[in-house]
Amino acid sequence: MDHGTLIGLISVGVIALFLIGVPVFLVIGFWVVGVSLVIDFTLANIGVTLFEGLNFFGLLSLPLFILTGDLIAAAGIARRLADFAHACLSWARGGLGMATIGSCGLFAAISGSNSATTATIGGIMHPLLVKDGYDTKFAAATAAAGGCVGIIIPPSIIFIVYGFLMNLSISDLFVAGILPGIMMVASMMVVCWWVSRKNGWGSVSPLSMPRILSTARKAYLGFFAMFIVIYGIYSGVFSPTEAAAITVGFCLVAGLLITREIKWRELPDILLRSGQLTGMLAPMIAISIVMQQVFGLLGTAQAVSSFVAWFGDSPTVVLLVCMAIVMAAGCILESLPVTVIFAPILAPIAVAHGVDPVHFSVIFLVGAAIGFITPPFGLNLFVASGVTGIPYSQLVRFAMMYLGGLLVAWGLTAFVPWFSLVLLPNVAGG
């Protein structure tokens, strides 16, 4: 039996394993080992690469930003940010729904995780939305859609992974994600306003400057945490890894001594939750390095490049094809496997056609983020379903209302590079 047939059979087998619920890390690992045996690629390389793939100082920011997200939730900082967002938007129809999306953006500016954003903000805001007259399914879908910005607005866990895989400055990637992330928030707010106005959902109260100032004062810890991350990296005062460490220390002190909502006895559980998520992400990053090597030996990049070239040599057409591939992959895979599998293949193709590598990183990851609310996978919909108790299938229709707004933001990000690149000349540190 020839190599192509064997690799095809192995691929079908691991797809079957994925469909029956085998963890993605094991699915990719089985494929890598199986194909390595077929092509006589030394298995000793796998062990060495798995270790060396994680032996990188910059990846230390990954568990630290995950821990930051858990700490700001436990410390009550996320709830205070949500109160501030509602105070700013309560004057408009759908104000509480828009505040939910705004709160997701604020939370994302400290944590960097989509699932943590959806779970934390959804748990806080969903009961308030239902109480304020919103449809319960729309309220849950709003939290799920808002969570999409969790991996775009810096700091971003997936930007760290992308930068590591593609050898790009993580600081540059963080800064490039600021304006596209804000556009995603704005587009979803417009959708929320339109749907709420059409259905008469949500109460309206006069704009109150004293209330805004009061909630801003209470949310000052969250604002300071954002300042640490964004200004520190943007100005070059410290690296993303150092920013993550400082933010963890600040949030821990704030939760223990200022808000006093974190108890010493709760710390082991918080650390365990963060460790569990890190334990799922780190092996995926390591095995992805081996997968890239196998792809290189198989000539996968050349095959995909030929497929993309079949549609024409226009940079616009090439970018649209790459976006379609990312969109399709995001419907069935989470952002991490989408990134580790497709970024090393598509990014060189886009760059070869004149797309800036940092700009393409934002295009790629915004598309991957949209996958969080697109069935049949839609991770954020599963998270929102778990938080609210509403069946996944009932959230899909309402989530699709936000898809149009997100696609507009994605299109602007892709075809107006200014949004991704305008802030980069001002970055002082790498």
Protein backbone atom coordinates (compact mmCIF):
# COMPACT_ATOMS: atom_id res chain seq x y z
CA MET A 1 0.00 0.00 0.00
CA ASP A 2 1.47 3.37 -0.99
CA HIS A 3 2.19 6.19 1.44
CA GLY A 4 -0.66 8.38 0.20
CA THR A 5 -3.26 5.69 0.86
CA LEU A 6 -1.87 4.97 4.34
CA ILE A 7 -1.85 8.66 5.26
CA GLY A 8 -5.42 8.93 3.97
CA LEU A 9 -6.54 6.01 6.12
CA ILE A 10 -4.79 7.47 9.18
CA SER A 11 -6.48 10.83 8.56
CA VAL A 12 -9.91 9.20 8.27
CA GLY A 13 -9.24 7.30 11.48
CA VAL A 14 -8.29 10.35 13.52
CA ILE A 15 -11.29 12.29 12.14
CA ALA A 16 -13.48 9.47 13.44
CA LEU A 17 -11.77 9.75 16.83
CA PHE A 18 -12.44 13.50 16.84
CA LEU A 19 -16.12 12.96 16.01
CA ILE A 20 -16.59 10.55 18.93
CA GLY A 21 -15.09 13.06 21.36
CA VAL A 22 -11.42 12.13 21.72
CA PRO A 23 -9.45 15.23 22.90
CA VAL A 24 -7.96 17.22 20.02
CA PHE A 25 -4.43 16.90 21.45
CA LEU A 26 -4.62 13.12 21.25
CA VAL A 27 -6.22 13.24 17.80
CA ILE A 28 -3.36 15.36 16.44
CA GLY A 29 -0.82 13.27 18.35
CA PHE A 30 -2.10 10.01 16.84
CA TRP A 31 -1.98 11.55 13.37
CA VAL A 32 1.56 12.85 13.86
CA VAL A 33 2.87 9.51 15.16
CA GLY A 34 1.07 7.50 12.49
CA VAL A 35 2.25 9.67 9.60
CA SER A 36 5.79 9.81 11.02
CA LEU A 37 5.91 6.00 10.94
CA VAL A 38 4.63 5.94 7.37
CA ILE A 39 7.19 8.42 6.04
CA ASP A 40 10.06 7.04 8.19
CA PHE A 41 10.38 10.27 10.17
CA THR A 42 12.32 9.47 13.35
CA LEU A 43 10.10 9.21 16.43
CA ALA A 44 12.97 10.42 18.63
CA ASN A 45 12.39 13.82 17.04
CA ILE A 46 8.90 13.94 18.51
CA GLY A 47 10.11 13.77 22.11
CA VAL A 48 12.83 16.35 21.57
CA THR A 49 10.52 18.74 19.72
CA LEU A 50 7.75 18.41 22.32
CA PHE A 51 10.19 19.56 25.00
CA GLU A 52 11.97 22.25 23.01
CA GLY A 53 8.66 23.55 21.67
CA LEU A 54 7.67 24.68 25.16
CA ASN A 55 11.17 25.69 26.28
CA PHE A 56 10.53 29.34 25.43
CA PHE A 57 10.37 32.23 27.91
CA GLY A 58 7.66 34.09 25.99
CA LEU A 59 5.19 31.24 26.51
CA LEU A 60 5.29 31.87 30.25
CA SER A 61 2.79 34.68 29.65
CA LEU A 62 0.20 32.05 28.62
CA PRO A 63 -0.54 30.57 32.08
CA LEU A 64 -0.12 34.00 33.69
CA PHE A 65 -2.83 35.65 31.57
CA ILE A 66 -5.10 32.64 32.16
CA LEU A 67 -4.58 33.10 35.90
CA THR A 68 -5.29 36.84 35.53
CA GLY A 69 -8.72 36.06 34.10
CA ASP A 70 -9.59 33.81 37.03
CA LEU A 71 -8.34 36.36 39.56
CA ILE A 72 -10.29 39.34 38.19
CA ALA A 73 -13.45 37.24 38.21
CA ALA A 74 -12.89 36.04 41.77
CA ALA A 75 -11.91 39.51 43.00
CA GLY A 76 -15.16 41.11 41.83
CA ILE A 77 -13.33 43.35 39.37
CA ALA A 78 -15.34 41.98 36.43
CA ARG A 79 -18.63 42.79 38.16
CA ARG A 80 -17.52 46.38 38.79
CA LEU A 81 -16.54 46.80 35.14
CA ALA A 82 -20.00 45.54 34.12
CA ASP A 83 -21.66 48.08 36.41
CA PHE A 84 -19.63 50.86 34.79
CA ALA A 85 -20.54 49.71 31.27
CA HIS A 86 -24.24 49.66 32.16
CA ALA A 87 -24.08 53.14 33.68
CA CYS A 88 -22.63 54.47 30.40
CA LEU A 89 -25.23 52.78 28.16
CA SER A 90 -28.45 52.61 30.20
CA TRP A 91 -29.88 55.64 28.35
CA ALA A 92 -30.27 53.67 25.09
CA ARG A 93 -32.76 50.96 24.18
CA GLY A 94 -30.89 47.70 24.63
CA GLY A 95 -28.44 49.47 26.92
CA LEU A 96 -27.99 46.53 29.27
CA GLY A 97 -27.39 44.19 26.35
CA MET A 98 -24.84 46.60 24.90
CA ALA A 99 -23.30 46.89 28.36
CA THR A 100 -22.90 43.10 28.37
CA ILE A 101 -20.90 43.31 25.14
CA GLY A 102 -18.93 46.29 26.45
CA SER A 103 -18.19 44.39 29.64
CA CYS A 104 -16.84 41.52 27.56
CA GLY A 105 -14.50 44.00 25.87
CA LEU A 106 -13.32 45.40 29.19
CA PHE A 107 -12.83 41.93 30.66
CA ALA A 108 -10.93 40.86 27.55
CA ALA A 109 -8.56 43.79 28.02
CA ILE A 110 -7.29 42.11 31.18
CA SER A 111 -7.74 38.36 30.71
CA GLY A 112 -7.32 37.29 27.07
CA SER A 113 -9.63 34.25 27.03
CA ASN A 114 -12.90 33.89 25.12
CA SER A 115 -14.38 31.14 27.28
CA ALA A 116 -13.46 32.94 30.52
CA THR A 117 -15.03 36.15 29.16
CA THR A 118 -18.26 34.40 28.19
CA ALA A 119 -18.52 32.44 31.44
CA THR A 120 -17.72 35.35 33.75
CA ILE A 121 -19.74 38.09 32.05
CA GLY A 122 -22.55 35.71 31.15
CA GLY A 123 -22.85 34.59 34.76
CA ILE A 124 -23.03 38.20 35.94
CA MET A 125 -25.21 39.77 33.24
CA HIS A 126 -27.63 37.05 32.12
CA PRO A 127 -29.87 37.19 35.23
CA LEU A 128 -29.92 41.01 34.99
CA LEU A 129 -30.83 40.91 31.29
CA VAL A 130 -33.72 38.51 31.88
CA LYS A 131 -34.94 40.63 34.78
CA ASP A 132 -34.84 43.70 32.53
CA GLY A 133 -37.18 42.10 29.99
CA TYR A 134 -34.79 40.57 27.45
CA ASP A 135 -35.55 37.23 25.87
CA THR A 136 -33.60 34.69 27.90
CA LYS A 137 -32.11 33.01 24.81
CA PHE A 138 -31.07 36.32 23.27
CA ALA A 139 -29.47 37.33 26.56
CA ALA A 140 -27.38 34.16 26.65
CA ALA A 141 -26.43 34.54 22.98
CA THR A 142 -25.34 38.12 23.66
CA ALA A 143 -22.83 36.94 26.26
CA ALA A 144 -21.60 34.23 23.88
CA ALA A 145 -21.11 36.71 21.03
CA GLY A 146 -19.44 39.25 23.29
CA GLY A 147 -16.96 36.61 24.37
CA CYS A 148 -15.58 36.47 20.83
CA VAL A 149 -13.47 39.57 21.52
CA GLY A 150 -11.73 37.74 24.37
CA ILE A 151 -8.96 36.57 22.03
CA ILE A 152 -8.67 39.78 19.98
CA ILE A 153 -8.48 42.69 22.43
CA PRO A 154 -5.05 42.46 24.09
CA PRO A 155 -3.80 40.66 26.03
CA SER A 156 -4.74 37.59 24.01
CA ILE A 157 -3.77 34.01 24.73
CA ILE A 158 -4.15 32.97 21.10
CA PHE A 159 -2.04 35.92 19.88
CA ILE A 160 0.74 34.58 22.11
CA VAL A 161 0.40 31.18 20.47
CA TYR A 162 0.28 32.68 16.96
CA GLY A 163 3.31 34.88 17.60
CA PHE A 164 5.25 31.90 18.92
CA LEU A 165 4.33 29.68 15.98
CA MET A 166 5.02 32.31 13.31
CA ASN A 167 8.00 34.00 15.00
CA LEU A 168 6.30 37.40 15.24
CA SER A 169 6.56 40.01 17.99
CA ILE A 170 3.82 39.35 20.53
CA SER A 171 3.83 43.03 21.45
CA ASP A 172 3.13 43.96 17.82
CA LEU A 173 0.30 41.44 17.65
CA PHE A 174 -1.26 42.77 20.84
CA VAL A 175 -1.21 46.34 19.58
CA ALA A 176 -2.54 45.30 16.15
CA GLY A 177 -5.58 43.71 17.80
CA ILE A 178 -6.75 46.84 19.65
CA LEU A 179 -8.74 48.63 16.93
CA PRO A 180 -10.18 45.47 15.29
CA GLY A 181 -11.32 44.33 18.74
CA ILE A 182 -13.02 47.67 19.34
CA MET A 183 -14.71 47.39 15.92
CA MET A 184 -16.04 43.95 16.84
CA VAL A 185 -17.50 45.34 20.06
CA ALA A 186 -19.05 48.32 18.24
CA SER A 187 -20.57 46.15 15.50
CA MET A 188 -22.18 43.82 18.03
CA MET A 189 -23.50 46.77 20.02
CA VAL A 190 -25.23 48.08 16.88
CA VAL A 191 -26.84 44.68 16.33
CA CYS A 192 -27.93 44.50 19.98
CA TRP A 193 -29.44 48.00 19.79
CA TRP A 194 -31.31 47.20 16.58
CA VAL A 195 -32.74 43.88 17.81
CA SER A 196 -33.67 45.30 21.23
CA ARG A 197 -35.33 48.35 19.65
CA LYS A 198 -37.28 46.14 17.25
CA ASN A 199 -38.55 43.90 20.07
CA GLY A 200 -38.87 46.52 22.80
CA TRP A 201 -36.45 44.68 25.09
CA GLY A 202 -34.80 46.39 28.03
CA SER A 203 -35.62 49.45 30.08
CA VAL A 204 -34.29 52.95 29.42
CA SER A 205 -33.10 55.35 32.11
CA PRO A 206 -31.73 58.87 31.84
CA LEU A 207 -27.99 59.30 31.47
CA SER A 208 -26.61 60.00 34.94
CA MET A 209 -23.12 61.44 35.18
CA PRO A 210 -22.95 60.91 38.97
CA ARG A 211 -23.75 57.23 38.43
CA ILE A 212 -21.08 56.93 35.72
CA LEU A 213 -18.49 58.56 37.95
CA SER A 214 -19.49 56.43 40.93
CA THR A 215 -19.25 53.14 39.02
CA ALA A 216 -15.99 54.28 37.38
CA ARG A 217 -14.52 54.94 40.80
CA LYS A 218 -15.51 51.47 41.98
CA ALA A 219 -14.06 49.92 38.80
CA TYR A 220 -10.71 51.68 39.10
CA LEU A 221 -8.91 48.40 39.82
CA GLY A 222 -9.98 47.04 36.44
CA PHE A 223 -8.89 50.19 34.65
CA PHE A 224 -5.52 50.09 36.35
CA ALA A 225 -5.03 46.44 35.36
CA MET A 226 -5.76 47.41 31.72
CA PHE A 227 -3.28 50.27 32.02
CA ILE A 228 -0.58 47.90 33.27
CA VAL A 229 -1.01 45.57 30.31
CA ILE A 230 -1.63 47.96 27.42
CA TYR A 231 0.58 50.89 28.36
CA GLY A 232 3.41 48.72 29.64
CA ILE A 233 3.62 46.72 26.42
CA TYR A 234 2.79 49.62 24.10
CA SER A 235 5.51 51.84 25.60
CA GLY A 236 8.08 49.07 25.83
CA VAL A 237 8.42 49.35 29.61
CA PHE A 238 8.12 45.58 29.86
CA SER A 239 7.45 42.54 27.70
CA PRO A 240 4.12 40.68 27.49
CA THR A 241 5.47 38.03 29.88
CA GLU A 242 6.52 40.67 32.41
CA ALA A 243 3.18 42.45 31.97
CA ALA A 244 1.36 39.19 32.69
CA ALA A 245 3.38 38.58 35.86
CA ILE A 246 2.83 42.11 37.15
CA THR A 247 -0.90 41.95 36.38
CA VAL A 248 -1.26 38.64 38.22
CA GLY A 249 0.46 40.13 41.27
CA PHE A 250 -1.71 43.24 41.14
CA CYS A 251 -4.99 41.31 40.78
CA LEU A 252 -4.02 38.94 43.58
CA VAL A 253 -3.24 41.79 45.97
CA ALA A 254 -6.40 43.64 44.89
CA GLY A 255 -8.59 40.59 45.52
CA LEU A 256 -7.02 39.72 48.87
CA LEU A 257 -6.52 43.15 50.41
CA ILE A 258 -8.67 45.74 48.58
CA THR A 259 -11.94 44.13 47.44
CA ARG A 260 -11.36 41.24 49.90
CA GLU A 261 -13.50 38.96 47.74
CA ILE A 262 -10.69 36.42 47.38
CA LYS A 263 -10.08 34.34 50.49
CA TRP A 264 -6.80 32.61 51.16
CA ARG A 265 -8.54 29.24 51.28
CA GLU A 266 -9.89 29.83 47.74
CA LEU A 267 -6.46 30.33 46.16
CA PRO A 268 -5.72 26.60 45.60
CA ASP A 269 -8.97 26.21 43.66
CA ILE A 270 -8.26 29.32 41.55
CA LEU A 271 -4.75 28.10 40.77
CA LEU A 272 -6.07 24.64 39.94
CA ARG A 273 -8.62 26.02 37.44
CA SER A 274 -5.92 28.05 35.72
CA GLY A 275 -3.57 25.08 35.74
CA GLN A 276 -6.19 22.83 34.15
CA LEU A 277 -6.69 25.23 31.24
CA THR A 278 -2.93 25.65 30.82
CA GLY A 279 -2.61 21.88 30.85
CA MET A 280 -4.99 21.68 27.89
CA LEU A 281 -3.31 24.43 25.85
CA ALA A 282 0.40 23.68 26.38
CA PRO A 283 0.39 20.13 24.90
CA MET A 284 -1.48 21.45 21.85
CA ILE A 285 1.24 24.04 21.27
CA ALA A 286 3.98 21.45 21.63
CA ILE A 287 2.45 18.88 19.29
CA SER A 288 1.71 21.62 16.74
CA ILE A 289 5.46 22.15 16.27
CA VAL A 290 5.89 18.48 15.33
CA MET A 291 2.86 18.70 13.05
CA GLN A 292 4.44 21.64 11.19
CA GLN A 293 7.55 19.54 10.57
CA VAL A 294 5.45 16.67 9.20
CA PHE A 295 3.47 19.08 7.01
CA GLY A 296 6.76 20.40 5.66
CA LEU A 297 7.92 16.91 4.69
CA LEU A 298 4.57 16.15 3.04
CA GLY A 299 4.60 19.37 1.00
CA THR A 300 1.26 20.47 2.46
CA ALA A 301 2.03 24.18 2.15
CA GLN A 302 2.79 23.80 -1.55
CA ALA A 303 -0.43 21.85 -2.11
CA VAL A 304 -2.58 24.46 -0.36
CA SER A 305 -0.74 27.23 -2.18
CA SER A 306 -1.56 25.56 -5.50
CA PHE A 307 -5.20 25.24 -4.44
CA VAL A 308 -5.39 28.93 -3.53
CA ALA A 309 -3.61 29.90 -6.77
CA TRP A 310 -6.30 28.01 -8.71
CA PHE A 311 -8.70 30.84 -7.82
CA GLY A 312 -6.36 33.45 -9.29
CA ASP A 313 -3.29 35.44 -8.37
CA SER A 314 -5.07 38.58 -7.18
CA PRO A 315 -4.13 39.47 -3.56
CA THR A 316 -7.80 40.19 -2.86
CA VAL A 317 -8.91 36.80 -4.15
CA VAL A 318 -6.13 35.03 -2.26
CA LEU A 319 -7.14 36.79 0.95
CA LEU A 320 -10.81 35.88 0.43
CA VAL A 321 -9.92 32.22 -0.11
CA CYS A 322 -7.76 32.20 3.04
CA MET A 323 -10.62 33.80 4.98
CA ALA A 324 -13.07 31.20 3.68
CA ILE A 325 -10.75 28.40 4.82
CA VAL A 326 -10.43 29.94 8.29
CA MET A 327 -14.20 30.45 8.50
CA ALA A 328 -14.91 26.85 7.49
CA ALA A 329 -12.32 25.50 9.94
CA GLY A 330 -13.70 27.67 12.74
CA CYS A 331 -17.11 26.07 12.32
CA ILE A 332 -15.78 22.67 13.37
CA LEU A 333 -12.65 23.42 15.42
CA GLU A 334 -11.69 25.63 18.35
CA SER A 335 -9.35 28.57 17.70
CA LEU A 336 -6.23 26.79 19.01
CA PRO A 337 -6.28 23.84 16.59
CA VAL A 338 -7.38 26.18 13.79
CA THR A 339 -4.31 28.30 14.52
CA VAL A 340 -1.77 25.50 14.93
CA ILE A 341 -2.98 23.65 11.83
CA PHE A 342 -3.75 26.43 9.35
CA ALA A 343 -1.68 29.49 10.35
CA PRO A 344 1.68 27.96 9.31
CA ILE A 345 0.12 27.03 5.95
CA LEU A 346 -1.94 30.12 5.09
CA ALA A 347 0.25 32.89 6.51
CA PRO A 348 3.19 32.33 4.10
CA ILE A 349 0.76 32.26 1.17
CA ALA A 350 -0.80 35.58 2.19
CA VAL A 351 2.59 37.18 2.85
CA ALA A 352 3.84 36.02 -0.55
CA HIS A 353 0.94 37.95 -2.09
CA GLY A 354 1.85 41.16 -0.32
CA VAL A 355 -0.16 40.96 2.92
CA ASP A 356 1.68 42.25 5.98
CA PRO A 357 2.32 39.31 8.37
CA VAL A 358 1.01 41.18 11.42
CA HIS A 359 -2.05 42.32 9.48
CA PHE A 360 -2.74 38.74 8.38
CA SER A 361 -2.43 37.53 11.97
CA VAL A 362 -5.32 39.80 12.95
CA ILE A 363 -7.37 38.76 9.91
CA PHE A 364 -6.76 35.10 10.72
CA LEU A 365 -7.61 35.36 14.41
CA VAL A 366 -10.69 37.55 13.97
CA GLY A 367 -11.99 34.83 11.63
CA ALA A 368 -11.12 32.17 14.19
CA ALA A 369 -12.90 34.21 16.88
CA ILE A 370 -16.08 34.36 14.81
CA GLY A 371 -16.02 30.57 14.87
CA PHE A 372 -16.85 30.72 18.57
CA ILE A 373 -20.52 31.34 17.71
CA THR A 374 -20.84 29.42 14.43
CA PRO A 375 -22.34 25.91 14.57
CA PRO A 376 -21.78 23.03 14.73
CA PHE A 377 -18.87 23.78 17.13
CA GLY A 378 -19.42 27.29 18.52
CA LEU A 379 -17.48 26.92 21.78
CA ASN A 380 -18.90 30.11 23.31
CA LEU A 381 -22.43 28.82 22.73
CA PHE A 382 -21.58 25.69 24.73
CA VAL A 383 -20.09 27.86 27.49
CA ALA A 384 -23.14 30.15 27.56
CA SER A 385 -25.40 27.10 27.58
CA GLY A 386 -23.52 25.71 30.57
CA VAL A 387 -23.70 29.01 32.46
CA THR A 388 -27.39 29.73 31.77
CA GLY A 389 -28.85 26.23 31.45
CA ILE A 390 -30.38 27.02 28.03
CA PRO A 391 -29.91 24.25 25.42
CA TYR A 392 -27.24 24.93 22.80
CA SER A 393 -29.68 24.52 19.92
CA GLN A 394 -31.87 27.34 21.20
CA LEU A 395 -28.97 29.82 21.22
CA VAL A 396 -27.89 29.34 17.62
CA ARG A 397 -30.63 31.46 15.97
CA PHE A 398 -29.98 34.43 18.24
CA ALA A 399 -26.21 34.10 17.90
CA MET A 400 -26.60 34.32 14.11
CA MET A 401 -28.03 37.82 14.60
CA TYR A 402 -24.58 38.92 15.72
CA LEU A 403 -22.80 37.10 12.89
CA GLY A 404 -23.60 39.81 10.34
CA GLY A 405 -22.08 42.54 12.50
CA LEU A 406 -18.96 40.46 13.13
CA LEU A 407 -18.54 39.78 9.41
CA VAL A 408 -18.66 43.51 8.71
CA ALA A 409 -15.93 44.09 11.31
CA TRP A 410 -13.92 41.21 9.80
CA GLY A 411 -14.23 42.66 6.32
CA LEU A 412 -13.05 46.09 7.46
CA THR A 413 -10.14 44.47 9.30
CA ALA A 414 -9.15 42.46 6.23
CA PHE A 415 -9.44 45.10 3.52
CA VAL A 416 -8.53 48.24 5.45
CA PRO A 417 -5.07 47.40 6.86
CA TRP A 418 -4.97 50.78 8.62
CA PHE A 419 -7.04 49.40 11.49
CA SER A 420 -4.43 46.75 12.27
CA LEU A 421 -1.25 48.62 11.46
CA VAL A 422 -1.78 52.28 12.36
CA LEU A 423 -0.60 51.90 15.96
CA LEU A 424 2.44 49.75 15.18
CA PRO A 425 4.95 52.54 14.39
CA ASN A 426 4.44 53.78 17.92
CA VAL A 427 5.36 50.48 19.59
CA ALA A 428 8.52 50.97 21.59
CA GLY A 429 9.20 47.41 22.61
CA GLY A 430 9.09 44.00 21.00
